[in-house]
C-alpha atoms as a PDB file:
ATOM      1  CA  MET A   1       0.000   0.000   0.000  1.00  0.00           C
ATOM      2  CA  ARG A   2       1.340   3.411  -0.973  1.00  0.00           C
ATOM      3  CA  LEU A   3       1.679   5.679   2.044  1.00  0.00           C
ATOM      4  CA  PHE A   4      -0.546   8.756   2.095  1.00  0.00           C
ATOM      5  CA  ASN A   5       1.008  12.133   2.889  1.00  0.00           C
ATOM      6  CA  ILE A   6      -1.833  14.569   3.462  1.00  0.00           C
ATOM      7  CA  ASN A   7       0.430  17.554   2.857  1.00  0.00           C
ATOM      8  CA  SER A   8       1.813  16.522  -0.527  1.00  0.00           C
ATOM      9  CA  GLU A   9      -1.008  14.706  -2.329  1.00  0.00           C
ATOM     10  CA  LYS A  10      -3.586  16.138  -4.720  1.00  0.00           C
ATOM     11  CA  VAL A  11      -6.710  13.989  -4.756  1.00  0.00           C
ATOM     12  CA  ALA A  12      -9.369  13.750  -7.453  1.00  0.00           C
ATOM     13  CA  VAL A  13     -12.832  12.657  -6.343  1.00  0.00           C
ATOM     14  CA  LEU A  14     -14.224  11.017  -9.468  1.00  0.00           C
ATOM     15  CA  MET A  15     -17.969  11.604  -9.604  1.00  0.00           C
ATOM     16  CA  GLY A  16     -20.813  11.888 -12.075  1.00  0.00           C
ATOM     17  CA  GLY A  17     -19.741   9.996 -15.174  1.00  0.00           C
ATOM     18  CA  THR A  18     -22.024   8.691 -17.893  1.00  0.00           C
ATOM     19  CA  SER A  19     -23.778   5.687 -16.336  1.00  0.00           C
ATOM     20  CA  ALA A  20     -27.440   5.366 -15.421  1.00  0.00           C
ATOM     21  CA  GLU A  21     -26.349   6.063 -11.831  1.00  0.00           C
ATOM     22  CA  ARG A  22     -24.882   9.492 -12.576  1.00  0.00           C
ATOM     23  CA  GLU A  23     -27.314  11.292 -10.262  1.00  0.00           C
ATOM     24  CA  VAL A  24     -26.439   9.082  -7.293  1.00  0.00           C
ATOM     25  CA  SER A  25     -22.723   9.338  -8.077  1.00  0.00           C
ATOM     26  CA  LEU A  26     -22.871  13.125  -7.932  1.00  0.00           C
ATOM     27  CA  MET A  27     -24.468  12.894  -4.482  1.00  0.00           C
ATOM     28  CA  SER A  28     -21.867  10.364  -3.291  1.00  0.00           C
ATOM     29  CA  GLY A  29     -18.976  12.379  -4.683  1.00  0.00           C
ATOM     30  CA  SER A  30     -20.155  15.634  -3.151  1.00  0.00           C
ATOM     31  CA  GLY A  31     -20.305  14.019   0.276  1.00  0.00           C
ATOM     32  CA  VAL A  32     -16.865  12.444  -0.077  1.00  0.00           C
ATOM     33  CA  LEU A  33     -15.342  15.679  -1.366  1.00  0.00           C
ATOM     34  CA  GLN A  34     -16.646  17.710   1.548  1.00  0.00           C
ATOM     35  CA  ALA A  35     -15.527  15.064   4.046  1.00  0.00           C
ATOM     36  CA  LEU A  36     -11.990  14.832   2.680  1.00  0.00           C
ATOM     37  CA  GLN A  37     -11.618  18.592   2.568  1.00  0.00           C
ATOM     38  CA  SER A  38     -12.770  18.766   6.190  1.00  0.00           C
ATOM     39  CA  GLN A  39      -9.848  16.453   7.037  1.00  0.00           C
ATOM     40  CA  GLY A  40      -7.337  18.767   5.387  1.00  0.00           C
ATOM     41  CA  VAL A  41      -7.007  16.801   2.145  1.00  0.00           C
ATOM     42  CA  ASN A  42      -6.348  18.757  -1.053  1.00  0.00           C
ATOM     43  CA  ALA A  43      -9.305  17.136  -2.826  1.00  0.00           C
ATOM     44  CA  GLN A  44     -11.062  18.382  -5.945  1.00  0.00           C
ATOM     45  CA  ALA A  45     -14.074  17.163  -7.919  1.00  0.00           C
ATOM     46  CA  PHE A  46     -13.432  15.535 -11.300  1.00  0.00           C
ATOM     47  CA  ASP A  47     -16.300  14.474 -13.595  1.00  0.00           C
ATOM     48  CA  PRO A  48     -15.188  12.088 -16.381  1.00  0.00           C
ATOM     49  CA  ALA A  49     -18.242  13.130 -18.376  1.00  0.00           C
ATOM     50  CA  GLU A  50     -16.825  16.642 -18.593  1.00  0.00           C
ATOM     51  CA  HIS A  51     -13.061  16.061 -18.561  1.00  0.00           C
ATOM     52  CA  ASP A  52     -10.752  13.588 -20.279  1.00  0.00           C
ATOM     53  CA  LEU A  53      -9.167  11.216 -17.781  1.00  0.00           C
ATOM     54  CA  GLY A  54      -5.758  12.144 -19.173  1.00  0.00           C
ATOM     55  CA  GLU A  55      -6.181  15.514 -17.490  1.00  0.00           C
ATOM     56  CA  LEU A  56      -5.704  13.799 -14.139  1.00  0.00           C
ATOM     57  CA  LYS A  57      -2.026  13.376 -14.942  1.00  0.00           C
ATOM     58  CA  SER A  58      -1.538  16.775 -16.557  1.00  0.00           C
ATOM     59  CA  GLN A  59      -3.248  18.504 -13.622  1.00  0.00           C
ATOM     60  CA  GLY A  60      -0.976  16.793 -11.104  1.00  0.00           C
ATOM     61  CA  PHE A  61      -3.438  14.512  -9.304  1.00  0.00           C
ATOM     62  CA  THR A  62      -1.611  11.842  -7.327  1.00  0.00           C
ATOM     63  CA  ARG A  63      -4.531   9.745  -6.049  1.00  0.00           C
ATOM     64  CA  CYS A  64      -8.192   9.137  -6.963  1.00  0.00           C
ATOM     65  CA  PHE A  65     -11.212   8.422  -4.808  1.00  0.00           C
ATOM     66  CA  ILE A  66     -13.653   6.644  -7.115  1.00  0.00           C
ATOM     67  CA  ALA A  67     -17.196   7.766  -6.275  1.00  0.00           C
ATOM     68  CA  LEU A  68     -18.512   6.696  -9.672  1.00  0.00           C
ATOM     69  CA  HIS A  69     -21.246   4.058  -9.794  1.00  0.00           C
ATOM     70  CA  GLY A  70     -22.199   1.622 -12.536  1.00  0.00           C
ATOM     71  CA  ARG A  71     -20.634   1.375 -15.957  1.00  0.00           C
ATOM     72  CA  TYR A  72     -17.525   3.365 -16.772  1.00  0.00           C
ATOM     73  CA  GLY A  73     -16.989   3.770 -13.048  1.00  0.00           C
ATOM     74  CA  GLU A  74     -16.920   0.487 -11.162  1.00  0.00           C
ATOM     75  CA  ASP A  75     -16.640  -1.931 -14.075  1.00  0.00           C
ATOM     76  CA  GLY A  76     -12.872  -1.974 -14.502  1.00  0.00           C
ATOM     77  CA  THR A  77     -12.726   0.615 -17.287  1.00  0.00           C
ATOM     78  CA  VAL A  78     -11.762   3.608 -15.154  1.00  0.00           C
ATOM     79  CA  GLN A  79      -9.558   1.366 -13.054  1.00  0.00           C
ATOM     80  CA  GLY A  80      -7.691   0.279 -16.189  1.00  0.00           C
ATOM     81  CA  ALA A  81      -7.221   3.873 -17.318  1.00  0.00           C
ATOM     82  CA  LEU A  82      -5.825   4.818 -13.907  1.00  0.00           C
ATOM     83  CA  GLU A  83      -3.437   1.867 -14.062  1.00  0.00           C
ATOM     84  CA  LEU A  84      -2.095   3.217 -17.368  1.00  0.00           C
ATOM     85  CA  LEU A  85      -1.830   6.707 -15.911  1.00  0.00           C
ATOM     86  CA  GLY A  86       0.015   5.332 -12.883  1.00  0.00           C
ATOM     87  CA  ILE A  87      -2.413   6.887 -10.384  1.00  0.00           C
ATOM     88  CA  PRO A  88      -3.481   4.899  -7.283  1.00  0.00           C
ATOM     89  CA  TYR A  89      -7.250   4.593  -6.816  1.00  0.00           C
ATOM     90  CA  THR A  90      -9.742   3.391  -4.242  1.00  0.00           C
ATOM     91  CA  GLY A  91     -11.599   0.119  -4.382  1.00  0.00           C
ATOM     92  CA  PRO A  92     -10.844  -3.191  -6.077  1.00  0.00           C
ATOM     93  CA  GLY A  93      -8.625  -3.468  -9.137  1.00  0.00           C
ATOM     94  CA  VAL A  94      -9.421  -4.014 -12.800  1.00  0.00           C
ATOM     95  CA  MET A  95     -10.299  -7.713 -12.739  1.00  0.00           C
ATOM     96  CA  ALA A  96     -12.354  -7.706  -9.524  1.00  0.00           C
ATOM     97  CA  SER A  97     -14.244  -4.588 -10.617  1.00  0.00           C
ATOM     98  CA  SER A  98     -15.081  -5.974 -14.059  1.00  0.00           C
ATOM     99  CA  ILE A  99     -16.281  -9.275 -12.619  1.00  0.00           C
ATOM    100  CA  ALA A 100     -18.282  -7.827  -9.734  1.00  0.00           C
ATOM    101  CA  ILE A 101     -20.393  -5.539 -11.899  1.00  0.00           C
ATOM    102  CA  ASP A 102     -21.433  -8.537 -14.007  1.00  0.00           C
ATOM    103  CA  LYS A 103     -23.948 -10.381 -11.846  1.00  0.00           C
ATOM    104  CA  ILE A 104     -23.830 -13.472 -14.054  1.00  0.00           C
ATOM    105  CA  MET A 105     -20.042 -13.835 -13.926  1.00  0.00           C
ATOM    106  CA  THR A 106     -20.119 -13.127 -10.184  1.00  0.00           C
ATOM    107  CA  LYS A 107     -22.602 -15.938  -9.680  1.00  0.00           C
ATOM    108  CA  HIS A 108     -20.484 -18.381 -11.696  1.00  0.00           C
ATOM    109  CA  ILE A 109     -17.450 -17.673  -9.506  1.00  0.00           C
ATOM    110  CA  TRP A 110     -19.377 -17.806  -6.241  1.00  0.00           C
ATOM    111  CA  ARG A 111     -21.053 -21.049  -7.255  1.00  0.00           C
ATOM    112  CA  ALA A 112     -17.677 -22.546  -8.251  1.00  0.00           C
ATOM    113  CA  ASP A 113     -16.333 -21.590  -4.823  1.00  0.00           C
ATOM    114  CA  GLY A 114     -19.301 -23.196  -3.093  1.00  0.00           C
ATOM    115  CA  LEU A 115     -20.890 -19.928  -1.977  1.00  0.00           C
ATOM    116  CA  PRO A 116     -24.708 -19.742  -1.946  1.00  0.00           C
ATOM    117  CA  THR A 117     -26.479 -17.509  -4.480  1.00  0.00           C
ATOM    118  CA  PRO A 118     -30.054 -17.746  -5.810  1.00  0.00           C
ATOM    119  CA  ALA A 119     -30.690 -19.899  -8.863  1.00  0.00           C
ATOM    120  CA  TRP A 120     -30.646 -17.963 -12.123  1.00  0.00           C
ATOM    121  CA  LYS A 121     -31.008 -18.080 -15.877  1.00  0.00           C
ATOM    122  CA  LYS A 122     -29.440 -15.804 -18.483  1.00  0.00           C
ATOM    123  CA  VAL A 123     -32.097 -14.859 -21.040  1.00  0.00           C
ATOM    124  CA  ASP A 124     -32.177 -13.192 -24.450  1.00  0.00           C
ATOM    125  CA  SER A 125     -35.904 -12.830 -25.133  1.00  0.00           C
ATOM    126  CA  ALA A 126     -39.285 -12.421 -23.486  1.00  0.00           C
ATOM    127  CA  ALA A 127     -40.009 -16.053 -24.344  1.00  0.00           C
ATOM    128  CA  ALA A 128     -36.895 -17.072 -22.411  1.00  0.00           C
ATOM    129  CA  VAL A 129     -38.129 -15.027 -19.436  1.00  0.00           C
ATOM    130  CA  ARG A 130     -41.402 -16.955 -19.525  1.00  0.00           C
ATOM    131  CA  ALA A 131     -39.484 -20.242 -19.613  1.00  0.00           C
ATOM    132  CA  ALA A 132     -37.352 -19.077 -16.687  1.00  0.00           C
ATOM    133  CA  LEU A 133     -40.473 -18.224 -14.698  1.00  0.00           C
ATOM    134  CA  ALA A 134     -41.730 -21.757 -15.206  1.00  0.00           C
ATOM    135  CA  GLU A 135     -38.387 -23.141 -14.053  1.00  0.00           C
ATOM    136  CA  LEU A 136     -37.488 -20.771 -11.192  1.00  0.00           C
ATOM    137  CA  GLY A 137     -41.007 -20.175  -9.936  1.00  0.00           C
ATOM    138  CA  SER A 138     -42.964 -17.095  -8.908  1.00  0.00           C
ATOM    139  CA  PRO A 139     -42.035 -14.514  -7.835  1.00  0.00           C
ATOM    140  CA  MET A 140     -38.905 -14.036  -9.917  1.00  0.00           C
ATOM    141  CA  ILE A 141     -36.536 -11.097 -10.373  1.00  0.00           C
ATOM    142  CA  VAL A 142     -35.689  -9.844 -13.871  1.00  0.00           C
ATOM    143  CA  LYS A 143     -32.837  -7.339 -14.112  1.00  0.00           C
ATOM    144  CA  PRO A 144     -29.946  -6.137 -16.273  1.00  0.00           C
ATOM    145  CA  ALA A 145     -26.806  -8.123 -15.601  1.00  0.00           C
ATOM    146  CA  ARG A 146     -24.582  -5.038 -15.369  1.00  0.00           C
ATOM    147  CA  GLU A 147     -26.541  -2.266 -13.676  1.00  0.00           C
ATOM    148  CA  GLY A 148     -26.929  -1.285 -10.033  1.00  0.00           C
ATOM    149  CA  SER A 149     -29.267   0.594  -7.701  1.00  0.00           C
ATOM    150  CA  THR A 150     -32.153  -1.705  -8.771  1.00  0.00           C
ATOM    151  CA  ILE A 151     -32.296   0.192 -12.083  1.00  0.00           C
ATOM    152  CA  GLY A 152     -34.262  -1.823 -14.657  1.00  0.00           C
ATOM    153  CA  LEU A 153     -35.369  -4.420 -12.093  1.00  0.00           C
ATOM    154  CA  THR A 154     -38.829  -6.028 -12.132  1.00  0.00           C
ATOM    155  CA  LYS A 155     -40.361  -8.472  -9.671  1.00  0.00           C
ATOM    156  CA  VAL A 156     -42.401 -10.804 -11.873  1.00  0.00           C
ATOM    157  CA  THR A 157     -45.284 -12.744 -10.382  1.00  0.00           C
ATOM    158  CA  GLU A 158     -47.293 -13.610 -13.501  1.00  0.00           C
ATOM    159  CA  GLU A 159     -46.474 -14.668 -17.058  1.00  0.00           C
ATOM    160  CA  ASN A 160     -48.138 -11.589 -18.549  1.00  0.00           C
ATOM    161  CA  GLN A 161     -45.462  -9.413 -16.918  1.00  0.00           C
ATOM    162  CA  CYS A 162     -42.551 -11.104 -18.676  1.00  0.00           C
ATOM    163  CA  ASP A 163     -42.587  -9.089 -21.909  1.00  0.00           C
ATOM    164  CA  ALA A 164     -42.451  -5.714 -20.164  1.00  0.00           C
ATOM    165  CA  ALA A 165     -39.855  -6.948 -17.651  1.00  0.00           C
ATOM    166  CA  PHE A 166     -37.545  -8.144 -20.407  1.00  0.00           C
ATOM    167  CA  ALA A 167     -38.004  -4.961 -22.452  1.00  0.00           C
ATOM    168  CA  LEU A 168     -37.129  -2.779 -19.448  1.00  0.00           C
ATOM    169  CA  ALA A 169     -33.971  -4.718 -18.588  1.00  0.00           C
ATOM    170  CA  ALA A 170     -32.871  -5.121 -22.218  1.00  0.00           C
ATOM    171  CA  ARG A 171     -33.015  -1.368 -22.783  1.00  0.00           C
ATOM    172  CA  LEU A 172     -30.176  -1.033 -20.270  1.00  0.00           C
ATOM    173  CA  ASP A 173     -28.101  -4.106 -21.043  1.00  0.00           C
ATOM    174  CA  ASP A 174     -27.877  -6.761 -23.733  1.00  0.00           C
ATOM    175  CA  GLU A 175     -27.430  -9.349 -20.966  1.00  0.00           C
ATOM    176  CA  VAL A 176     -30.537  -9.973 -18.876  1.00  0.00           C
ATOM    177  CA  LEU A 177     -30.693 -12.073 -15.728  1.00  0.00           C
ATOM    178  CA  CYS A 178     -33.669 -13.932 -14.278  1.00  0.00           C
ATOM    179  CA  GLU A 179     -33.151 -14.809 -10.630  1.00  0.00           C
ATOM    180  CA  GLN A 180     -35.008 -16.883  -8.084  1.00  0.00           C
ATOM    181  CA  PHE A 181     -36.688 -14.624  -5.529  1.00  0.00           C
ATOM    182  CA  ILE A 182     -35.702 -15.298  -1.927  1.00  0.00           C
ATOM    183  CA  ALA A 183     -38.387 -14.230   0.533  1.00  0.00           C
ATOM    184  CA  GLY A 184     -37.039 -13.107   3.893  1.00  0.00           C
ATOM    185  CA  ASP A 185     -34.770 -10.583   5.541  1.00  0.00           C
ATOM    186  CA  GLU A 186     -32.694  -8.318   3.310  1.00  0.00           C
ATOM    187  CA  VAL A 187     -29.304  -7.364   4.719  1.00  0.00           C
ATOM    188  CA  THR A 188     -26.185  -5.611   3.519  1.00  0.00           C
ATOM    189  CA  ILE A 189     -22.624  -5.886   4.759  1.00  0.00           C
ATOM    190  CA  ALA A 190     -19.591  -3.725   4.046  1.00  0.00           C
ATOM    191  CA  VAL A 191     -15.968  -4.833   4.026  1.00  0.00           C
ATOM    192  CA  LEU A 192     -12.971  -2.518   4.392  1.00  0.00           C
ATOM    193  CA  GLY A 193      -9.322  -3.200   3.670  1.00  0.00           C
ATOM    194  CA  SER A 194      -7.234  -6.075   2.407  1.00  0.00           C
ATOM    195  CA  GLY A 195      -5.230  -8.996   3.744  1.00  0.00           C
ATOM    196  CA  THR A 196      -4.746  -9.103   7.491  1.00  0.00           C
ATOM    197  CA  GLU A 197      -6.237  -5.589   7.792  1.00  0.00           C
ATOM    198  CA  THR A 198      -9.605  -6.595   6.324  1.00  0.00           C
ATOM    199  CA  GLN A 199     -12.534  -5.527   8.495  1.00  0.00           C
ATOM    200  CA  VAL A 200     -16.148  -6.672   8.127  1.00  0.00           C
ATOM    201  CA  LEU A 201     -18.552  -4.004   9.374  1.00  0.00           C
ATOM    202  CA  PRO A 202     -21.819  -4.648  11.261  1.00  0.00           C
ATOM    203  CA  VAL A 203     -24.739  -6.123   9.338  1.00  0.00           C
ATOM    204  CA  ILE A 204     -27.561  -3.731   8.381  1.00  0.00           C
ATOM    205  CA  ARG A 205     -31.085  -5.137   8.040  1.00  0.00           C
ATOM    206  CA  ILE A 206     -33.252  -3.268   5.527  1.00  0.00           C
ATOM    207  CA  VAL A 207     -36.993  -2.936   6.058  1.00  0.00           C
ATOM    208  CA  ALA A 208     -38.550  -1.201   3.052  1.00  0.00           C
ATOM    209  CA  PRO A 209     -42.221  -0.218   2.551  1.00  0.00           C
ATOM    210  CA  ASP A 210     -44.074  -3.328   1.354  1.00  0.00           C
ATOM    211  CA  GLY A 211     -40.688  -4.985   0.947  1.00  0.00           C
ATOM    212  CA  ASN A 212     -39.974  -2.780  -2.072  1.00  0.00           C
ATOM    213  CA  TYR A 213     -36.400  -1.546  -1.789  1.00  0.00           C
ATOM    214  CA  ASP A 214     -36.386   0.202  -5.176  1.00  0.00           C
ATOM    215  CA  TYR A 215     -34.457   3.213  -6.540  1.00  0.00           C
ATOM    216  CA  GLN A 216     -36.867   5.731  -4.993  1.00  0.00           C
ATOM    217  CA  ASN A 217     -36.863   4.084  -1.564  1.00  0.00           C
ATOM    218  CA  LYS A 218     -33.072   3.754  -1.663  1.00  0.00           C
ATOM    219  CA  TYR A 219     -32.229   7.382  -2.251  1.00  0.00           C
ATOM    220  CA  PHE A 220     -35.173   9.742  -2.041  1.00  0.00           C
ATOM    221  CA  THR A 221     -37.565   8.731   0.747  1.00  0.00           C
ATOM    222  CA  ASN A 222     -37.275   8.408   4.511  1.00  0.00           C
ATOM    223  CA  THR A 223     -39.704   5.520   4.916  1.00  0.00           C
ATOM    224  CA  THR A 224     -37.173   2.695   4.630  1.00  0.00           C
ATOM    225  CA  GLN A 225     -35.802   1.460   7.968  1.00  0.00           C
ATOM    226  CA  TYR A 226     -32.140   0.562   8.361  1.00  0.00           C
ATOM    227  CA  LEU A 227     -31.583  -1.518  11.467  1.00  0.00           C
ATOM    228  CA  VAL A 228     -28.095  -1.597  12.941  1.00  0.00           C
ATOM    229  CA  PRO A 229     -27.709  -3.431  15.236  1.00  0.00           C
ATOM    230  CA  CYS A 230     -29.582  -5.670  12.813  1.00  0.00           C
ATOM    231  CA  GLY A 231     -31.499  -7.658  15.414  1.00  0.00           C
ATOM    232  CA  LEU A 232     -30.405 -11.033  14.048  1.00  0.00           C
ATOM    233  CA  PRO A 233     -29.163 -13.727  16.422  1.00  0.00           C
ATOM    234  CA  GLN A 234     -25.460 -13.202  17.141  1.00  0.00           C
ATOM    235  CA  GLY A 235     -24.430 -16.495  15.579  1.00  0.00           C
ATOM    236  CA  GLU A 236     -26.420 -15.770  12.422  1.00  0.00           C
ATOM    237  CA  GLU A 237     -24.900 -12.320  12.030  1.00  0.00           C
ATOM    238  CA  ALA A 238     -21.380 -13.704  12.446  1.00  0.00           C
ATOM    239  CA  HIS A 239     -22.103 -16.419   9.879  1.00  0.00           C
ATOM    240  CA  ILE A 240     -23.290 -13.837   7.332  1.00  0.00           C
ATOM    241  CA  GLN A 241     -20.256 -11.641   7.960  1.00  0.00           C
ATOM    242  CA  GLN A 242     -17.962 -14.596   7.286  1.00  0.00           C
ATOM    243  CA  LEU A 243     -19.934 -15.464   4.142  1.00  0.00           C
ATOM    244  CA  VAL A 244     -19.516 -11.936   2.811  1.00  0.00           C
ATOM    245  CA  LEU A 245     -15.813 -11.946   3.633  1.00  0.00           C
ATOM    246  CA  ASP A 246     -15.466 -15.188   1.673  1.00  0.00           C
ATOM    247  CA  ALA A 247     -17.390 -13.634  -1.230  1.00  0.00           C
ATOM    248  CA  TYR A 248     -15.165 -10.532  -1.144  1.00  0.00           C
ATOM    249  CA  LYS A 249     -12.025 -12.630  -1.270  1.00  0.00           C
ATOM    250  CA  SER A 250     -13.482 -14.955  -3.911  1.00  0.00           C
ATOM    251  CA  LEU A 251     -13.675 -12.077  -6.394  1.00  0.00           C
ATOM    252  CA  GLY A 252     -10.267 -10.711  -5.412  1.00  0.00           C
ATOM    253  CA  CYS A 253     -11.636  -7.493  -3.900  1.00  0.00           C
ATOM    254  CA  ARG A 254      -9.525  -4.991  -1.988  1.00  0.00           C
ATOM    255  CA  GLY A 255      -9.993  -1.531  -0.487  1.00  0.00           C
ATOM    256  CA  TRP A 256     -13.703  -1.743   0.171  1.00  0.00           C
ATOM    257  CA  ALA A 257     -16.978  -3.168  -1.125  1.00  0.00           C
ATOM    258  CA  ARG A 258     -20.532  -3.864   0.033  1.00  0.00           C
ATOM    259  CA  ALA A 259     -22.472  -7.087  -0.463  1.00  0.00           C
ATOM    260  CA  ASP A 260     -26.244  -7.593  -0.524  1.00  0.00           C
ATOM    261  CA  VAL A 261     -27.664 -10.765   0.995  1.00  0.00           C
ATOM    262  CA  MET A 262     -31.145 -12.290   1.352  1.00  0.00           C
ATOM    263  CA  ILE A 263     -31.942 -14.626   4.244  1.00  0.00           C
ATOM    264  CA  ASP A 264     -34.563 -17.243   3.450  1.00  0.00           C
ATOM    265  CA  ALA A 265     -37.375 -16.781   5.969  1.00  0.00           C
ATOM    266  CA  ALA A 266     -38.115 -20.511   6.168  1.00  0.00           C
ATOM    267  CA  THR A 267     -34.617 -21.994   6.333  1.00  0.00           C
ATOM    268  CA  ARG A 268     -32.615 -18.944   7.542  1.00  0.00           C
ATOM    269  CA  LYS A 269     -30.058 -19.754   4.838  1.00  0.00           C
ATOM    270  CA  PRO A 270     -28.315 -16.614   3.483  1.00  0.00           C
ATOM    271  CA  TYR A 271     -27.932 -16.099  -0.263  1.00  0.00           C
ATOM    272  CA  LEU A 272     -25.458 -13.697  -1.875  1.00  0.00           C
ATOM    273  CA  LEU A 273     -27.089 -11.386  -4.412  1.00  0.00           C
ATOM    274  CA  GLU A 274     -24.289  -9.105  -5.595  1.00  0.00           C
ATOM    275  CA  ILE A 275     -21.294  -7.095  -4.478  1.00  0.00           C
ATOM    276  CA  ASN A 276     -20.756  -3.390  -5.089  1.00  0.00           C
ATOM    277  CA  THR A 277     -17.144  -2.297  -5.547  1.00  0.00           C
ATOM    278  CA  SER A 278     -17.840   1.451  -5.419  1.00  0.00           C
ATOM    279  CA  PRO A 279     -20.530   1.698  -2.733  1.00  0.00           C
ATOM    280  CA  GLY A 280     -22.830   4.691  -2.390  1.00  0.00           C
ATOM    281  CA  MET A 281     -21.811   7.468  -0.021  1.00  0.00           C
ATOM    282  CA  THR A 282     -24.990   9.571  -0.023  1.00  0.00           C
ATOM    283  CA  SER A 283     -26.998  10.618   3.035  1.00  0.00           C
ATOM    284  CA  HIS A 284     -29.078   7.442   2.545  1.00  0.00           C
ATOM    285  CA  SER A 285     -26.151   5.120   1.858  1.00  0.00           C
ATOM    286  CA  LEU A 286     -25.422   2.001   3.841  1.00  0.00           C
ATOM    287  CA  VAL A 287     -21.664   1.827   4.281  1.00  0.00           C
ATOM    288  CA  PRO A 288     -21.552   5.083   6.277  1.00  0.00           C
ATOM    289  CA  MET A 289     -24.359   3.768   8.517  1.00  0.00           C
ATOM    290  CA  SER A 290     -22.517   0.541   9.191  1.00  0.00           C
ATOM    291  CA  ALA A 291     -19.230   2.370   9.748  1.00  0.00           C
ATOM    292  CA  LYS A 292     -20.893   4.689  12.248  1.00  0.00           C
ATOM    293  CA  ALA A 293     -22.132   1.654  14.189  1.00  0.00           C
ATOM    294  CA  ALA A 294     -18.512   0.461  14.269  1.00  0.00           C
ATOM    295  CA  GLY A 295     -17.355   3.814  15.630  1.00  0.00           C
ATOM    296  CA  ILE A 296     -16.072   5.230  12.334  1.00  0.00           C
ATOM    297  CA  SER A 297     -17.386   8.669  11.370  1.00  0.00           C
ATOM    298  CA  TYR A 298     -18.177   9.595   7.769  1.00  0.00           C
ATOM    299  CA  PRO A 299     -15.014  11.751   7.354  1.00  0.00           C
ATOM    300  CA  GLU A 300     -12.887   9.046   8.986  1.00  0.00           C
ATOM    301  CA  LEU A 301     -14.398   6.451   6.648  1.00  0.00           C
ATOM    302  CA  CYS A 302     -13.605   8.552   3.576  1.00  0.00           C
ATOM    303  CA  LEU A 303     -10.038   9.101   4.744  1.00  0.00           C
ATOM    304  CA  GLN A 304      -9.555   5.414   5.557  1.00  0.00           C
ATOM    305  CA  VAL A 305     -10.781   4.368   2.110  1.00  0.00           C
ATOM    306  CA  LEU A 306      -8.593   7.019   0.469  1.00  0.00           C
ATOM    307  CA  CYS A 307      -5.529   5.780   2.342  1.00  0.00           C
ATOM    308  CA  SER A 308      -6.148   2.288   0.918  1.00  0.00           C
ATOM    309  CA  ALA A 309      -5.835   3.550  -2.668  1.00  0.00           C
ATOM    310  CA  THR A 310      -3.399   1.474  -4.680  1.00  0.00           C
ATOM    311  CA  ARG A 311      -2.840  -0.113  -8.096  1.00  0.00           C
ATOM    312  CA  ASP A 312      -2.785  -3.654  -9.429  1.00  0.00           C
ATOM    313  CA  TYR A 313       0.814  -3.261 -10.545  1.00  0.00           C
ATOM    314  CA  ALA A 314       3.685  -1.482  -8.864  1.00  0.00           C
ATOM    315  CA  ALA A 315       5.261   1.386 -10.754  1.00  0.00           C
ATOM    316  CA  PRO A 316       8.032   0.135 -13.112  1.00  0.00           C
END
């Protein structure tokens, strides 16, 4: 890990971008920027939608905090560009980022490593969605394979919903995923660091209106409850934390990430849904809540993540 000298580094907070999550990214980036500046860091906003990434080098930036979400932000593309520029960055590297954003590839790796994830089918038509519904059962989740924040997601309960569900997801991605719906508690768990310094934060249990944790309820309403302490039995919480740590390591993550898990109400078995390698940092975001429960303030969290910035390859 490259040491961080607060007095000599110039930090770019990458925010905005061109993905479907641009609006959320701008909110995350603004919060991170203000927090880092409050800690004495020479941090400045940098929007890749408005500036060429090559300007990072010409403007003398020495480190990047990636507050981009979705494609061209947490999918390995920006990470690869920063590798070429020789600038350390927050979050997992190129390979882990590119795998984690692809829910289908993530599931293949987790399944190969013996980690539980809901059954799924990759589909390429509305007819295939209908066939998946017959196989996976109702309800079923239909979503783009490479989007986040529940964008393009539909909970399908009847066959007549399949055409619209596929059309919505396919508008955002040419790879569409049908996934078995797990009824039960929804939880999320953040992981910080790498190697022996890896820290799993407290579990957050999410209680959304009518169980609908959609884009609006994630970012723009105050009706969703976030329970931390989560209220789960101690042994169950510890088991889920270990599962998420295994999932984090399975994909080769470093720096930080946040995993979403469903706990089957009948069996209490946890299932990994996905892992986010550039988690949200808005006023409604979950990693700051979990960090606070662990005694880490929002500014401290931002600084800790920034200090973990590194590259896949050492400078030649």
